[in-house]
Amino acid sequence: MIWLIKSYYTYNGVAYKASSPKHGSSLKKCRTLAKKALKIKAPCKHKKCTFGGIWNGGGGQGFKNLYAFSFFYDYAAMVGIIDPKKPSGRAKPIQYLNAAKLACNT
């Protein structure tokens, strides 16, 4: 069963209309939109860039650990990747992908 949900999302005091797709979610479409929003193909004026043409801080390809905050933590806690009762946790990108696949197939 596909549910069409219509609601509002408020960010920085502005309410935006939000709704679910009529035919359910699509991981492929979501990834395409995320890549577009992050501008991963943007020109890089520096030696190394992350996304949007922004310098990556100089760490290069050798980063063993990536420290992410905010919604990365919140979403990982919401879907059971990390323990929400702990102030920090460890996750791998594949865990986020697997959670997205599960959400899109539910």
C-alpha atoms as a PDB file:
ATOM      1  CA  MET A   1       0.000   0.000   0.000  1.00  0.00           C
ATOM      2  CA  ILE A   2       1.344   3.436  -0.931  1.00  0.00           C
ATOM      3  CA  TRP A   3       0.351   6.353   1.256  1.00  0.00           C
ATOM      4  CA  LEU A   4       0.319   9.884  -0.052  1.00  0.00           C
ATOM      5  CA  ILE A   5       1.296  12.165   2.794  1.00  0.00           C
ATOM      6  CA  LYS A   6       0.900  15.926   2.536  1.00  0.00           C
ATOM      7  CA  SER A   7       2.287  18.153   5.239  1.00  0.00           C
ATOM      8  CA  TYR A   8       4.629  21.066   5.925  1.00  0.00           C
ATOM      9  CA  TYR A   9       8.287  21.160   6.830  1.00  0.00           C
ATOM     10  CA  THR A  10       9.470  24.203   8.757  1.00  0.00           C
ATOM     11  CA  TYR A  11      13.064  25.340   8.463  1.00  0.00           C
ATOM     12  CA  ASN A  12      14.452  28.595   9.804  1.00  0.00           C
ATOM     13  CA  GLY A  13      10.949  29.907  10.416  1.00  0.00           C
ATOM     14  CA  VAL A  14       9.728  29.227   6.870  1.00  0.00           C
ATOM     15  CA  ALA A  15       7.090  26.528   6.222  1.00  0.00           C
ATOM     16  CA  TYR A  16       7.521  24.515   3.028  1.00  0.00           C
ATOM     17  CA  LYS A  17       4.919  22.205   1.496  1.00  0.00           C
ATOM     18  CA  ALA A  18       6.071  18.606   1.542  1.00  0.00           C
ATOM     19  CA  SER A  19       4.480  15.438   0.237  1.00  0.00           C
ATOM     20  CA  SER A  20       5.377  11.861  -0.523  1.00  0.00           C
ATOM     21  CA  PRO A  21       5.478  10.689  -4.133  1.00  0.00           C
ATOM     22  CA  LYS A  22       2.206   9.181  -5.390  1.00  0.00           C
ATOM     23  CA  HIS A  23       3.979   6.017  -6.534  1.00  0.00           C
ATOM     24  CA  GLY A  24       6.216   5.541  -3.498  1.00  0.00           C
ATOM     25  CA  SER A  25       9.811   6.449  -2.874  1.00  0.00           C
ATOM     26  CA  SER A  26      12.716   5.888  -5.240  1.00  0.00           C
ATOM     27  CA  LEU A  27      16.248   5.466  -3.963  1.00  0.00           C
ATOM     28  CA  LYS A  28      17.596   6.128  -7.465  1.00  0.00           C
ATOM     29  CA  LYS A  29      15.736   9.449  -7.753  1.00  0.00           C
ATOM     30  CA  CYS A  30      16.778  10.422  -4.223  1.00  0.00           C
ATOM     31  CA  ARG A  31      20.450   9.738  -4.992  1.00  0.00           C
ATOM     32  CA  THR A  32      20.202  11.718  -8.228  1.00  0.00           C
ATOM     33  CA  LEU A  33      18.715  14.705  -6.388  1.00  0.00           C
ATOM     34  CA  ALA A  34      21.307  14.463  -3.593  1.00  0.00           C
ATOM     35  CA  LYS A  35      24.179  14.451  -6.094  1.00  0.00           C
ATOM     36  CA  LYS A  36      22.667  17.460  -7.847  1.00  0.00           C
ATOM     37  CA  ALA A  37      22.204  19.339  -4.551  1.00  0.00           C
ATOM     38  CA  LEU A  38      25.777  18.571  -3.430  1.00  0.00           C
ATOM     39  CA  LYS A  39      27.174  19.625  -6.819  1.00  0.00           C
ATOM     40  CA  ILE A  40      29.678  16.775  -6.829  1.00  0.00           C
ATOM     41  CA  LYS A  41      30.648  17.535 -10.430  1.00  0.00           C
ATOM     42  CA  ALA A  42      31.345  21.227  -9.717  1.00  0.00           C
ATOM     43  CA  PRO A  43      34.705  22.599 -10.899  1.00  0.00           C
ATOM     44  CA  CYS A  44      37.409  22.450  -8.240  1.00  0.00           C
ATOM     45  CA  LYS A  45      39.892  25.338  -8.035  1.00  0.00           C
ATOM     46  CA  HIS A  46      41.917  23.489  -5.393  1.00  0.00           C
ATOM     47  CA  LYS A  47      44.047  20.359  -5.358  1.00  0.00           C
ATOM     48  CA  LYS A  48      41.324  18.279  -3.672  1.00  0.00           C
ATOM     49  CA  CYS A  49      37.606  19.048  -3.294  1.00  0.00           C
ATOM     50  CA  THR A  50      34.752  17.358  -1.520  1.00  0.00           C
ATOM     51  CA  PHE A  51      31.605  18.668  -3.216  1.00  0.00           C
ATOM     52  CA  GLY A  52      30.369  21.971  -4.585  1.00  0.00           C
ATOM     53  CA  GLY A  53      33.943  22.911  -5.539  1.00  0.00           C
ATOM     54  CA  ILE A  54      34.839  23.298  -1.848  1.00  0.00           C
ATOM     55  CA  TRP A  55      38.342  22.460  -0.614  1.00  0.00           C
ATOM     56  CA  ASN A  56      38.358  19.285   1.470  1.00  0.00           C
ATOM     57  CA  GLY A  57      40.702  20.622   4.136  1.00  0.00           C
ATOM     58  CA  GLY A  58      43.832  18.990   2.793  1.00  0.00           C
ATOM     59  CA  GLY A  59      43.340  15.506   4.217  1.00  0.00           C
ATOM     60  CA  GLY A  60      43.432  13.991   0.774  1.00  0.00           C
ATOM     61  CA  GLN A  61      42.615  10.406  -0.044  1.00  0.00           C
ATOM     62  CA  GLY A  62      44.141   9.047   3.147  1.00  0.00           C
ATOM     63  CA  PHE A  63      41.312   9.810   5.561  1.00  0.00           C
ATOM     64  CA  LYS A  64      40.751   6.706   7.648  1.00  0.00           C
ATOM     65  CA  ASN A  65      37.892   8.200   9.642  1.00  0.00           C
ATOM     66  CA  LEU A  66      35.346  10.798   8.639  1.00  0.00           C
ATOM     67  CA  TYR A  67      33.648  12.711  11.413  1.00  0.00           C
ATOM     68  CA  ALA A  68      30.057  13.636  10.610  1.00  0.00           C
ATOM     69  CA  PHE A  69      27.586  15.449  12.801  1.00  0.00           C
ATOM     70  CA  SER A  70      24.018  16.638  13.091  1.00  0.00           C
ATOM     71  CA  PHE A  71      21.585  14.739  10.909  1.00  0.00           C
ATOM     72  CA  PHE A  72      24.094  11.995  10.145  1.00  0.00           C
ATOM     73  CA  TYR A  73      23.963  11.145  13.856  1.00  0.00           C
ATOM     74  CA  ASP A  74      20.207  11.739  14.165  1.00  0.00           C
ATOM     75  CA  TYR A  75      19.306   9.528  11.212  1.00  0.00           C
ATOM     76  CA  ALA A  76      21.734   6.799  12.248  1.00  0.00           C
ATOM     77  CA  ALA A  77      20.107   6.775  15.685  1.00  0.00           C
ATOM     78  CA  MET A  78      16.572   6.795  14.225  1.00  0.00           C
ATOM     79  CA  VAL A  79      17.149   3.751  12.035  1.00  0.00           C
ATOM     80  CA  GLY A  80      19.177   1.747  14.556  1.00  0.00           C
ATOM     81  CA  ILE A  81      22.649   2.102  13.057  1.00  0.00           C
ATOM     82  CA  ILE A  82      23.981   3.574  16.309  1.00  0.00           C
ATOM     83  CA  ASP A  83      22.741   3.590  19.896  1.00  0.00           C
ATOM     84  CA  PRO A  84      20.631   6.751  20.425  1.00  0.00           C
ATOM     85  CA  LYS A  85      21.458   6.692  24.154  1.00  0.00           C
ATOM     86  CA  LYS A  86      25.156   7.268  23.486  1.00  0.00           C
ATOM     87  CA  PRO A  87      26.627  10.686  22.583  1.00  0.00           C
ATOM     88  CA  SER A  88      28.506   9.291  19.578  1.00  0.00           C
ATOM     89  CA  GLY A  89      28.747   6.205  17.423  1.00  0.00           C
ATOM     90  CA  ARG A  90      30.496   4.611  14.463  1.00  0.00           C
ATOM     91  CA  ALA A  91      28.840   3.887  11.155  1.00  0.00           C
ATOM     92  CA  LYS A  92      29.841   2.948   7.636  1.00  0.00           C
ATOM     93  CA  PRO A  93      28.355   4.541   4.508  1.00  0.00           C
ATOM     94  CA  ILE A  94      26.956   1.157   3.449  1.00  0.00           C
ATOM     95  CA  GLN A  95      24.793   1.150   6.585  1.00  0.00           C
ATOM     96  CA  TYR A  96      23.114   4.374   5.461  1.00  0.00           C
ATOM     97  CA  LEU A  97      22.605   2.936   1.974  1.00  0.00           C
ATOM     98  CA  ASN A  98      21.063  -0.247   3.387  1.00  0.00           C
ATOM     99  CA  ALA A  99      18.740   1.793   5.622  1.00  0.00           C
ATOM    100  CA  ALA A 100      17.687   3.902   2.621  1.00  0.00           C
ATOM    101  CA  LYS A 101      16.975   0.772   0.570  1.00  0.00           C
ATOM    102  CA  LEU A 102      14.858  -0.636   3.397  1.00  0.00           C
ATOM    103  CA  ALA A 103      12.928   2.629   3.770  1.00  0.00           C
ATOM    104  CA  CYS A 104      12.299   2.841   0.033  1.00  0.00           C
ATOM    105  CA  ASN A 105      10.998  -0.728  -0.093  1.00  0.00           C
ATOM    106  CA  THR A 106       8.680  -0.353   2.887  1.00  0.00           C
END
